[in-house]
């Protein structure tokens, strides 16, 4: 089915051009209807329908596993990306002098959980970026025998640089480094295979490119890391048989459910499941190609109006994020907003992040608005 056929899922497209999915995505009709059903059933229907909730949880794990190339037994639900990364940081046993490799392009969610380990004597090593890009050679250059973990984004939130997860994974495997990925800016629109890339841990929220609700996310814990990562919290749901209430001697669940210790955001999980269904029908690989075409339009035309693309010169490293720097970006941002074009202003730059239902005509319309702004103001 052509992507244009999905526009009916997003009725606001009749009056608004939304290109801010790197911040938060709109709900599709499917997501809204699934969540409405849940609310209505809790309000007027069965009220308690835990068995069905468990079925949806199991289904959603399978959907996530399919999306990332993993197994459902390795998926645990969380509230957001940060929660998952904190599970990782606090669940490992650290020694004084252990080193963690980060970089200077990361969103703070992938920084602070690890900075919090400094009081345990853990050292943070930053890889310096160049023109919004991370060179794998620069990562390799800072690896030492004390390097314990590397955490990096699938896609960097500002420059849109798509890190070479496969090459970085091979490097981590060679050096026996725990490999963690913040997936939120790429999942759903860029293909990924956690096994092929040797990823030990991945964390993501559901409200950006996955087009699900806020307050629900997941983490993937690989089999090897599962043996090493200790649950930071424990509760009635994190054990082998949660319904054996008076057996207080239970061990943690054998799979990633050991990290799910209490009642979670079931409304959010219902919404996320519907969002994943929609993206699966559209196809991640097809979405990727579509976004690269839309991005090329921006990259080709916006320099005509004094806006410089901050991403990689090689489109191999492009994603769904296209950020531009230049004079009056704040004013251009406001002008676009007044004309019902929604994007982001980040660090003095304009960031466009279209999704699969956006069209080439919409990109041209945005470009024409910027051209008009320049004509009216210069």
Foldseek 3Di string as FASTA:
>chain_A
DALLVQCQQPVCVVQFAEFALLPFFAAGVLLVVLLVVVVCCCPPNPVDDVVVLVVLLQLLLPLVCVQAAHDSLQKDKFQFQLVQLLLVLVQFDDAAPAEEEEEDLADCSQPVSNVVCVVRNYYYDYQYADLLHGDVVSVLVPDDLRHAEYEYECARSAQQFGDPLQVNLVSCVVSVHQYEYAYASAGLQAGHHCVNSVHQKYWGACGGNLPFDHRMIMMGGDPVVLVRGHAPDAALQQFCDSVVPPPPPTDGHPGPSNNVHDDGDSSRSSSSSSSSVVSVVVDNVNFFVQLLVLLVVCQVQVVVLFWHWSYDPDSVGHGQKTKTAGPPQVVLQVQSVVSNYDFDQDPRITIGGDTSSDDSVVSVVSSVSSVVVSVVPD
